[in-house]
Amino acid sequence: MLHEYGHHFQQETTYGGTEGITEISVNLYALAVGRKYTNEYANEFPKRWTATQAYLARPRAEKQFDANQVDAQAVFEQLRRGLGEDFLRTWHKYVRAERASTMDNPERKKWFVVSASFAAQLDLGDFFADWGLLKETEKDIWDAVHGLGLPKPATDMTKLEPYK
C-alpha cells in the first residue's frame, strides 16, 4: 500500500525512466513511514545487505545496474544516510525548480546524476559508477558532473549499511 501511495508523491522529473529507478523511488515514502511506524516489511530490506555488498565489491566494468537484480533501493538509502535527512527533499526542490518535465528527455541518466550532485553539492559520479549506474564510457555525463566543480564526498557512501 505504501509503495502505491508513493506514486502520488513521486518525482518523475528526478528519476523518471532512469535504469528502472521509477518503480524503486516510490519506496522512499514507504521507507520514511517505516522509520517511524513498524510494518510487516520493516525487516525485509536489511536482509538484502549481504548480497548488495557482494555486488558493490565487483569491479565497475562487471556491474550492470538492474533494479530487478540488485537492491536498487539501497542507492537512495545510502544517499540519505551519507548526505543527511534533508538531501532527498533538497533534490526534489531543485529538480522542481529547474525542470518542469524530463519525461521526453533522452538524457535522463545525465540529469539524474548531475541534479543529485548539484543538490548534494558533491561530485557523486564515483558513487553512481560504483553502483553500475554510470559507466566509464559515458564521458558526457562525467564531464557534466566534473563541470560543476564540486568536491568528492569525504567517505565512500557505498560502504554505508542502508536501512538503519
N, C-alpha and C. Protein backbone atom coordinates (compact mmCIF):
# COMPACT_ATOMS: atom_id res chain seq x y z
N MET A 1 0.82 -1.18 0.00
CA MET A 1 0.00 0.00 0.00
C MET A 1 0.88 1.26 0.00
N LEU A 2 1.92 1.27 0.83
CA LEU A 2 2.78 2.45 0.90
C LEU A 2 3.50 2.70 -0.42
N HIS A 3 3.89 1.63 -1.10
CA HIS A 3 4.53 1.77 -2.41
C HIS A 3 3.58 2.47 -3.38
N GLU A 4 2.34 2.01 -3.45
CA GLU A 4 1.38 2.60 -4.38
C GLU A 4 1.07 4.05 -4.00
N TYR A 5 0.98 4.32 -2.73
CA TYR A 5 0.73 5.69 -2.28
C TYR A 5 1.90 6.60 -2.68
N GLY A 6 3.10 6.04 -2.66
CA GLY A 6 4.28 6.81 -3.05
C GLY A 6 4.23 7.35 -4.46
N HIS A 7 3.48 6.67 -5.34
CA HIS A 7 3.35 7.16 -6.72
C HIS A 7 2.72 8.55 -6.76
N HIS A 8 1.93 8.90 -5.76
CA HIS A 8 1.29 10.22 -5.72
C HIS A 8 2.29 11.33 -5.42
N PHE A 9 3.44 10.98 -4.86
CA PHE A 9 4.44 11.97 -4.50
C PHE A 9 5.71 11.87 -5.32
N GLN A 10 5.79 10.87 -6.15
CA GLN A 10 7.00 10.58 -6.91
C GLN A 10 7.38 11.73 -7.83
N GLN A 11 8.67 11.94 -7.96
CA GLN A 11 9.21 12.99 -8.82
C GLN A 11 9.69 12.40 -10.14
N GLU A 12 8.82 12.30 -11.11
CA GLU A 12 9.24 11.81 -12.43
C GLU A 12 10.34 12.69 -13.00
N THR A 13 10.34 13.97 -12.62
CA THR A 13 11.36 14.87 -13.14
C THR A 13 12.73 14.56 -12.57
N THR A 14 12.79 13.83 -11.49
CA THR A 14 14.07 13.44 -10.92
C THR A 14 14.51 12.09 -11.44
N TYR A 15 13.63 11.09 -11.29
CA TYR A 15 14.05 9.72 -11.51
C TYR A 15 13.46 9.08 -12.76
N GLY A 16 12.48 9.69 -13.37
CA GLY A 16 11.72 9.06 -14.44
C GLY A 16 12.54 8.37 -15.50
N GLY A 17 12.34 7.07 -15.63
CA GLY A 17 12.95 6.31 -16.71
C GLY A 17 14.41 5.98 -16.55
N THR A 18 15.04 6.35 -15.44
CA THR A 18 16.45 6.11 -15.27
C THR A 18 16.71 4.70 -14.79
N GLU A 19 17.13 3.81 -15.68
CA GLU A 19 17.58 2.47 -15.33
C GLU A 19 16.63 1.74 -14.39
N GLY A 20 15.34 1.87 -14.58
CA GLY A 20 14.39 1.16 -13.74
C GLY A 20 14.17 1.78 -12.38
N ILE A 21 14.66 2.99 -12.17
CA ILE A 21 14.57 3.65 -10.86
C ILE A 21 13.13 4.06 -10.54
N THR A 22 12.30 4.26 -11.54
CA THR A 22 10.95 4.76 -11.31
C THR A 22 10.18 3.91 -10.30
N GLU A 23 10.21 2.62 -10.43
CA GLU A 23 9.46 1.76 -9.51
C GLU A 23 10.18 1.58 -8.18
N ILE A 24 11.41 2.02 -8.09
CA ILE A 24 12.15 1.94 -6.84
C ILE A 24 11.97 3.22 -6.04
N SER A 25 12.01 4.37 -6.71
CA SER A 25 11.97 5.64 -5.98
C SER A 25 10.68 5.85 -5.22
N VAL A 26 9.59 5.22 -5.61
CA VAL A 26 8.34 5.39 -4.86
C VAL A 26 8.48 4.82 -3.45
N ASN A 27 9.39 3.90 -3.26
CA ASN A 27 9.58 3.30 -1.95
C ASN A 27 10.23 4.25 -0.94
N LEU A 28 10.75 5.38 -1.41
CA LEU A 28 11.32 6.36 -0.49
C LEU A 28 10.28 6.75 0.55
N TYR A 29 9.05 6.87 0.13
CA TYR A 29 7.98 7.29 1.03
C TYR A 29 7.61 6.15 1.98
N ALA A 30 7.60 4.94 1.47
CA ALA A 30 7.32 3.78 2.32
C ALA A 30 8.42 3.62 3.37
N LEU A 31 9.66 3.82 2.98
CA LEU A 31 10.76 3.70 3.93
C LEU A 31 10.70 4.79 4.99
N ALA A 32 10.32 5.99 4.59
CA ALA A 32 10.19 7.08 5.56
C ALA A 32 9.13 6.75 6.60
N VAL A 33 8.00 6.23 6.15
CA VAL A 33 6.94 5.82 7.08
C VAL A 33 7.45 4.67 7.95
N GLY A 34 8.17 3.73 7.34
CA GLY A 34 8.69 2.58 8.07
C GLY A 34 9.70 2.95 9.15
N ARG A 35 10.39 4.07 8.98
CA ARG A 35 11.32 4.51 10.02
C ARG A 35 10.56 5.02 11.25
N LYS A 36 9.34 5.43 11.04
CA LYS A 36 8.53 5.95 12.15
C LYS A 36 7.57 4.90 12.70
N TYR A 37 6.98 4.09 11.82
CA TYR A 37 5.99 3.10 12.23
C TYR A 37 6.40 1.72 11.71
N THR A 38 6.51 0.77 12.59
CA THR A 38 6.85 -0.59 12.20
C THR A 38 5.73 -1.17 11.35
N ASN A 39 6.11 -1.87 10.28
CA ASN A 39 5.13 -2.54 9.43
C ASN A 39 5.67 -3.92 9.05
N GLU A 40 4.86 -4.69 8.33
CA GLU A 40 5.24 -6.07 8.03
C GLU A 40 6.47 -6.19 7.12
N TYR A 41 6.89 -5.10 6.50
CA TYR A 41 8.05 -5.15 5.60
C TYR A 41 9.31 -4.54 6.23
N ALA A 42 9.22 -4.06 7.44
CA ALA A 42 10.32 -3.33 8.08
C ALA A 42 11.63 -4.12 8.11
N ASN A 43 11.56 -5.43 8.20
CA ASN A 43 12.77 -6.24 8.31
C ASN A 43 13.21 -6.86 7.00
N GLU A 44 12.51 -6.60 5.91
CA GLU A 44 12.83 -7.24 4.64
C GLU A 44 14.04 -6.62 3.94
N PHE A 45 14.09 -5.29 3.83
CA PHE A 45 15.19 -4.65 3.11
C PHE A 45 16.56 -4.92 3.75
N PRO A 46 16.68 -4.87 5.08
CA PRO A 46 18.00 -5.14 5.67
C PRO A 46 18.56 -6.52 5.34
N LYS A 47 17.72 -7.46 5.05
CA LYS A 47 18.18 -8.82 4.71
C LYS A 47 18.95 -8.85 3.39
N ARG A 48 18.83 -7.80 2.60
CA ARG A 48 19.48 -7.75 1.28
C ARG A 48 20.93 -7.25 1.34
N TRP A 49 21.38 -6.79 2.49
CA TRP A 49 22.67 -6.13 2.59
C TRP A 49 23.84 -7.03 2.18
N THR A 50 23.85 -8.28 2.54
CA THR A 50 24.96 -9.18 2.18
C THR A 50 25.09 -9.29 0.66
N ALA A 51 23.99 -9.49 -0.03
CA ALA A 51 24.04 -9.58 -1.50
C ALA A 51 24.43 -8.24 -2.11
N THR A 52 23.97 -7.14 -1.51
CA THR A 52 24.31 -5.81 -2.01
C THR A 52 25.81 -5.57 -1.87
N GLN A 53 26.38 -5.95 -0.74
CA GLN A 53 27.83 -5.80 -0.54
C GLN A 53 28.62 -6.59 -1.58
N ALA A 54 28.17 -7.79 -1.88
CA ALA A 54 28.85 -8.61 -2.89
C ALA A 54 28.80 -7.93 -4.25
N TYR A 55 27.65 -7.37 -4.60
CA TYR A 55 27.50 -6.66 -5.87
C TYR A 55 28.43 -5.43 -5.91
N LEU A 56 28.42 -4.64 -4.85
CA LEU A 56 29.23 -3.42 -4.81
C LEU A 56 30.73 -3.72 -4.82
N ALA A 57 31.13 -4.90 -4.38
CA ALA A 57 32.55 -5.27 -4.34
C ALA A 57 33.10 -5.64 -5.72
N ARG A 58 32.21 -5.90 -6.67
CA ARG A 58 32.67 -6.26 -8.01
C ARG A 58 33.28 -5.04 -8.70
N PRO A 59 34.21 -5.26 -9.64
CA PRO A 59 34.77 -4.14 -10.41
C PRO A 59 33.66 -3.42 -11.19
N ARG A 60 33.81 -2.14 -11.37
CA ARG A 60 32.80 -1.34 -12.08
C ARG A 60 32.44 -1.92 -13.44
N ALA A 61 33.44 -2.37 -14.17
CA ALA A 61 33.19 -2.89 -15.52
C ALA A 61 32.29 -4.12 -15.52
N GLU A 62 32.22 -4.82 -14.41
CA GLU A 62 31.40 -6.03 -14.32
C GLU A 62 29.98 -5.76 -13.83
N LYS A 63 29.70 -4.53 -13.50
CA LYS A 63 28.37 -4.21 -12.95
C LYS A 63 27.43 -3.73 -14.04
N GLN A 64 26.25 -4.28 -14.03
CA GLN A 64 25.17 -3.82 -14.89
C GLN A 64 23.99 -3.57 -13.98
N PHE A 65 23.74 -2.30 -13.70
CA PHE A 65 22.68 -1.95 -12.76
C PHE A 65 21.34 -2.39 -13.33
N ASP A 66 20.65 -3.22 -12.57
CA ASP A 66 19.33 -3.70 -12.96
C ASP A 66 18.51 -3.74 -11.68
N ALA A 67 17.50 -2.90 -11.63
CA ALA A 67 16.68 -2.77 -10.42
C ALA A 67 15.99 -4.08 -10.05
N ASN A 68 15.95 -5.03 -10.96
CA ASN A 68 15.37 -6.33 -10.65
C ASN A 68 16.41 -7.32 -10.12
N GLN A 69 17.68 -6.97 -10.25
CA GLN A 69 18.76 -7.88 -9.86
C GLN A 69 19.53 -7.43 -8.62
N VAL A 70 19.50 -6.15 -8.32
CA VAL A 70 20.21 -5.61 -7.16
C VAL A 70 19.21 -4.86 -6.28
N ASP A 71 19.62 -4.59 -5.06
CA ASP A 71 18.76 -3.82 -4.16
C ASP A 71 18.91 -2.34 -4.51
N ALA A 72 18.23 -1.94 -5.55
CA ALA A 72 18.34 -0.56 -6.04
C ALA A 72 17.86 0.46 -5.02
N GLN A 73 16.98 0.05 -4.12
CA GLN A 73 16.51 0.95 -3.08
C GLN A 73 17.67 1.40 -2.19
N ALA A 74 18.68 0.57 -2.06
CA ALA A 74 19.83 0.90 -1.22
C ALA A 74 20.57 2.13 -1.73
N VAL A 75 20.50 2.41 -3.02
CA VAL A 75 21.12 3.63 -3.58
C VAL A 75 20.58 4.85 -2.83
N PHE A 76 19.27 4.93 -2.74
CA PHE A 76 18.64 6.08 -2.10
C PHE A 76 18.88 6.09 -0.59
N GLU A 77 18.90 4.92 0.01
CA GLU A 77 19.16 4.85 1.45
C GLU A 77 20.58 5.27 1.77
N GLN A 78 21.54 4.90 0.92
CA GLN A 78 22.91 5.32 1.16
C GLN A 78 23.06 6.83 0.97
N LEU A 79 22.36 7.38 -0.01
CA LEU A 79 22.38 8.84 -0.18
C LEU A 79 21.77 9.52 1.05
N ARG A 80 20.67 9.00 1.54
CA ARG A 80 20.03 9.58 2.73
C ARG A 80 20.96 9.49 3.94
N ARG A 81 21.56 8.34 4.15
CA ARG A 81 22.43 8.16 5.31
C ARG A 81 23.71 8.98 5.16
N GLY A 82 24.26 9.04 3.96
CA GLY A 82 25.52 9.75 3.76
C GLY A 82 25.40 11.26 3.66
N LEU A 83 24.26 11.72 3.16
CA LEU A 83 24.09 13.15 2.93
C LEU A 83 23.10 13.82 3.87
N GLY A 84 22.42 13.03 4.67
CA GLY A 84 21.51 13.58 5.67
C GLY A 84 20.06 13.50 5.27
N GLU A 85 19.22 13.63 6.27
CA GLU A 85 17.77 13.50 6.09
C GLU A 85 17.18 14.53 5.13
N ASP A 86 17.83 15.67 4.98
CA ASP A 86 17.29 16.72 4.11
C ASP A 86 17.68 16.57 2.65
N PHE A 87 18.61 15.67 2.34
CA PHE A 87 19.10 15.58 0.97
C PHE A 87 17.99 15.31 -0.04
N LEU A 88 17.17 14.29 0.17
CA LEU A 88 16.15 13.96 -0.82
C LEU A 88 15.16 15.09 -1.01
N ARG A 89 14.81 15.76 0.05
CA ARG A 89 13.91 16.91 -0.04
C ARG A 89 14.57 18.04 -0.85
N THR A 90 15.85 18.28 -0.59
CA THR A 90 16.60 19.30 -1.33
C THR A 90 16.67 18.95 -2.80
N TRP A 91 16.91 17.68 -3.11
CA TRP A 91 16.98 17.21 -4.50
C TRP A 91 15.64 17.44 -5.19
N HIS A 92 14.56 17.06 -4.54
CA HIS A 92 13.23 17.25 -5.12
C HIS A 92 12.96 18.72 -5.40
N LYS A 93 13.28 19.59 -4.47
CA LYS A 93 13.05 21.03 -4.66
C LYS A 93 13.87 21.56 -5.84
N TYR A 94 15.12 21.16 -5.92
CA TYR A 94 15.98 21.61 -7.01
C TYR A 94 15.42 21.17 -8.36
N VAL A 95 15.03 19.92 -8.44
CA VAL A 95 14.51 19.39 -9.70
C VAL A 95 13.23 20.10 -10.11
N ARG A 96 12.33 20.32 -9.15
CA ARG A 96 11.08 21.02 -9.49
C ARG A 96 11.36 22.43 -9.98
N ALA A 97 12.35 23.09 -9.41
CA ALA A 97 12.68 24.45 -9.81
C ALA A 97 13.35 24.51 -11.18
N GLU A 98 14.13 23.49 -11.51
CA GLU A 98 14.92 23.51 -12.74
C GLU A 98 14.29 22.84 -13.94
N ARG A 99 13.44 21.85 -13.70
CA ARG A 99 12.87 21.11 -14.82
C ARG A 99 11.39 20.88 -14.62
N ALA A 100 10.61 21.31 -15.55
CA ALA A 100 9.17 21.04 -15.47
C ALA A 100 8.90 19.57 -15.78
N SER A 101 9.65 19.01 -16.73
CA SER A 101 9.44 17.60 -17.07
C SER A 101 10.65 17.06 -17.82
N THR A 102 11.00 15.83 -17.51
CA THR A 102 12.06 15.15 -18.25
C THR A 102 11.52 13.89 -18.90
N MET A 103 10.22 13.77 -18.95
CA MET A 103 9.63 12.54 -19.48
C MET A 103 10.08 12.23 -20.91
N ASP A 104 10.29 13.24 -21.72
CA ASP A 104 10.73 13.02 -23.09
C ASP A 104 12.23 13.30 -23.27
N ASN A 105 12.90 13.52 -22.18
CA ASN A 105 14.31 13.87 -22.22
C ASN A 105 15.17 12.62 -22.46
N PRO A 106 15.90 12.57 -23.56
CA PRO A 106 16.74 11.40 -23.83
C PRO A 106 17.97 11.35 -22.92
N GLU A 107 18.22 12.39 -22.16
CA GLU A 107 19.39 12.43 -21.29
C GLU A 107 19.00 12.32 -19.82
N ARG A 108 18.05 11.47 -19.52
CA ARG A 108 17.56 11.34 -18.14
C ARG A 108 18.64 10.90 -17.16
N LYS A 109 19.47 9.95 -17.59
CA LYS A 109 20.53 9.49 -16.68
C LYS A 109 21.47 10.64 -16.35
N LYS A 110 21.81 11.43 -17.35
CA LYS A 110 22.69 12.57 -17.12
C LYS A 110 22.05 13.53 -16.12
N TRP A 111 20.77 13.84 -16.31
CA TRP A 111 20.07 14.73 -15.39
C TRP A 111 20.01 14.13 -13.99
N PHE A 112 19.78 12.84 -13.89
CA PHE A 112 19.72 12.14 -12.62
C PHE A 112 21.02 12.35 -11.84
N VAL A 113 22.16 12.07 -12.47
CA VAL A 113 23.46 12.15 -11.81
C VAL A 113 23.85 13.61 -11.54
N VAL A 114 23.65 14.48 -12.51
CA VAL A 114 24.04 15.88 -12.35
C VAL A 114 23.16 16.57 -11.31
N SER A 115 21.86 16.34 -11.35
CA SER A 115 20.97 17.00 -10.39
C SER A 115 21.22 16.51 -8.96
N ALA A 116 21.50 15.22 -8.80
CA ALA A 116 21.82 14.70 -7.47
C ALA A 116 23.12 15.32 -6.96
N SER A 117 24.11 15.44 -7.82
CA SER A 117 25.38 16.05 -7.43
C SER A 117 25.18 17.51 -7.05
N PHE A 118 24.41 18.22 -7.85
CA PHE A 118 24.17 19.64 -7.55
C PHE A 118 23.44 19.79 -6.22
N ALA A 119 22.42 18.98 -6.00
CA ALA A 119 21.65 19.08 -4.75
C ALA A 119 22.51 18.73 -3.54
N ALA A 120 23.42 17.78 -3.70
CA ALA A 120 24.31 17.38 -2.61
C ALA A 120 25.48 18.34 -2.43
N GLN A 121 25.75 19.12 -3.49
CA GLN A 121 26.94 19.96 -3.55
C GLN A 121 28.21 19.12 -3.40
N LEU A 122 28.12 17.93 -3.99
CA LEU A 122 29.25 16.99 -4.04
C LEU A 122 29.25 16.29 -5.39
N ASP A 123 30.42 15.92 -5.86
CA ASP A 123 30.57 15.17 -7.09
C ASP A 123 30.22 13.71 -6.78
N LEU A 124 29.04 13.26 -7.20
CA LEU A 124 28.57 11.91 -6.91
C LEU A 124 28.83 10.93 -8.06
N GLY A 125 29.66 11.33 -9.01
CA GLY A 125 29.95 10.47 -10.15
C GLY A 125 30.47 9.11 -9.74
N ASP A 126 31.45 9.07 -8.84
CA ASP A 126 32.01 7.78 -8.41
C ASP A 126 30.97 6.93 -7.69
N PHE A 127 30.13 7.55 -6.88
CA PHE A 127 29.08 6.81 -6.18
C PHE A 127 28.19 6.09 -7.18
N PHE A 128 27.69 6.82 -8.18
CA PHE A 128 26.81 6.20 -9.17
C PHE A 128 27.56 5.20 -10.05
N ALA A 129 28.83 5.45 -10.32
CA ALA A 129 29.63 4.48 -11.09
C ALA A 129 29.86 3.20 -10.28
N ASP A 130 30.08 3.35 -8.99
CA ASP A 130 30.27 2.17 -8.14
C ASP A 130 29.00 1.32 -8.06
N TRP A 131 27.86 1.92 -8.28
CA TRP A 131 26.60 1.18 -8.33
C TRP A 131 26.34 0.58 -9.71
N GLY A 132 27.12 0.97 -10.71
CA GLY A 132 26.91 0.46 -12.06
C GLY A 132 25.90 1.29 -12.83
N LEU A 133 25.46 2.39 -12.27
CA LEU A 133 24.52 3.28 -12.96
C LEU A 133 25.22 4.15 -13.99
N LEU A 134 26.45 4.52 -13.72
CA LEU A 134 27.23 5.39 -14.60
C LEU A 134 28.44 4.61 -15.08
N LYS A 135 28.59 4.54 -16.39
CA LYS A 135 29.71 3.80 -16.99
C LYS A 135 30.87 4.74 -17.26
N GLU A 136 32.07 4.21 -17.23
CA GLU A 136 33.27 5.00 -17.51
C GLU A 136 33.22 5.59 -18.92
N THR A 137 32.52 4.94 -19.83
CA THR A 137 32.45 5.38 -21.22
C THR A 137 31.46 6.54 -21.44
N GLU A 138 30.66 6.86 -20.44
CA GLU A 138 29.67 7.94 -20.58
C GLU A 138 30.32 9.29 -20.27
N LYS A 139 31.24 9.65 -21.15
CA LYS A 139 32.07 10.84 -20.96
C LYS A 139 31.26 12.12 -20.80
N ASP A 140 30.16 12.25 -21.53
CA ASP A 140 29.37 13.47 -21.44
C ASP A 140 28.80 13.66 -20.02
N ILE A 141 28.43 12.56 -19.37
CA ILE A 141 27.90 12.66 -18.01
C ILE A 141 29.02 12.99 -17.03
N TRP A 142 30.15 12.29 -17.16
CA TRP A 142 31.30 12.58 -16.30
C TRP A 142 31.72 14.04 -16.46
N ASP A 143 31.78 14.52 -17.71
CA ASP A 143 32.18 15.91 -17.95
C ASP A 143 31.20 16.89 -17.31
N ALA A 144 29.90 16.59 -17.40
CA ALA A 144 28.89 17.47 -16.81
C ALA A 144 29.02 17.51 -15.29
N VAL A 145 29.25 16.36 -14.68
CA VAL A 145 29.41 16.32 -13.22
C VAL A 145 30.68 17.05 -12.81
N HIS A 146 31.79 16.76 -13.49
CA HIS A 146 33.06 17.43 -13.16
C HIS A 146 32.96 18.93 -13.43
N GLY A 147 32.16 19.30 -14.43
CA GLY A 147 31.98 20.71 -14.75
C GLY A 147 31.32 21.52 -13.65
N LEU A 148 30.66 20.84 -12.72
CA LEU A 148 30.06 21.55 -11.59
C LEU A 148 31.13 22.04 -10.61
N GLY A 149 32.33 21.46 -10.69
CA GLY A 149 33.43 21.90 -9.84
C GLY A 149 33.22 21.60 -8.36
N LEU A 150 32.56 20.51 -8.09
CA LEU A 150 32.24 20.16 -6.71
C LEU A 150 33.25 19.17 -6.13
N PRO A 151 33.44 19.20 -4.81
CA PRO A 151 34.35 18.23 -4.19
C PRO A 151 33.73 16.84 -4.14
N LYS A 152 34.56 15.85 -3.97
CA LYS A 152 34.08 14.47 -3.82
C LYS A 152 33.65 14.29 -2.36
N PRO A 153 32.74 13.35 -2.11
CA PRO A 153 32.34 13.07 -0.73
C PRO A 153 33.56 12.64 0.11
N ALA A 154 33.53 12.94 1.39
CA ALA A 154 34.64 12.60 2.28
C ALA A 154 34.73 11.10 2.54
N THR A 155 33.60 10.39 2.40
CA THR A 155 33.59 8.95 2.64
C THR A 155 32.97 8.22 1.45
N ASP A 156 33.25 6.94 1.35
CA ASP A 156 32.67 6.10 0.31
C ASP A 156 31.28 5.68 0.80
N MET A 157 30.26 6.31 0.27
CA MET A 157 28.90 6.06 0.72
C MET A 157 28.40 4.66 0.37
N THR A 158 29.07 3.98 -0.57
CA THR A 158 28.64 2.61 -0.89
C THR A 158 28.96 1.65 0.25
N LYS A 159 29.74 2.08 1.21
CA LYS A 159 30.05 1.26 2.38
C LYS A 159 29.03 1.41 3.49
N LEU A 160 28.16 2.40 3.38
CA LEU A 160 27.14 2.64 4.41
C LEU A 160 26.06 1.57 4.36
N GLU A 161 25.81 0.94 5.45
CA GLU A 161 24.75 -0.06 5.51
C GLU A 161 23.41 0.65 5.47
N PRO A 162 22.59 0.34 4.48
CA PRO A 162 21.28 1.02 4.37
C PRO A 162 20.27 0.50 5.39
N TYR A 163 19.17 1.21 5.49
CA TYR A 163 18.02 0.81 6.30
C TYR A 163 18.28 0.84 7.80
N LYS A 164 19.10 1.74 8.22
CA LYS A 164 19.36 1.89 9.66
C LYS A 164 18.68 3.13 10.16
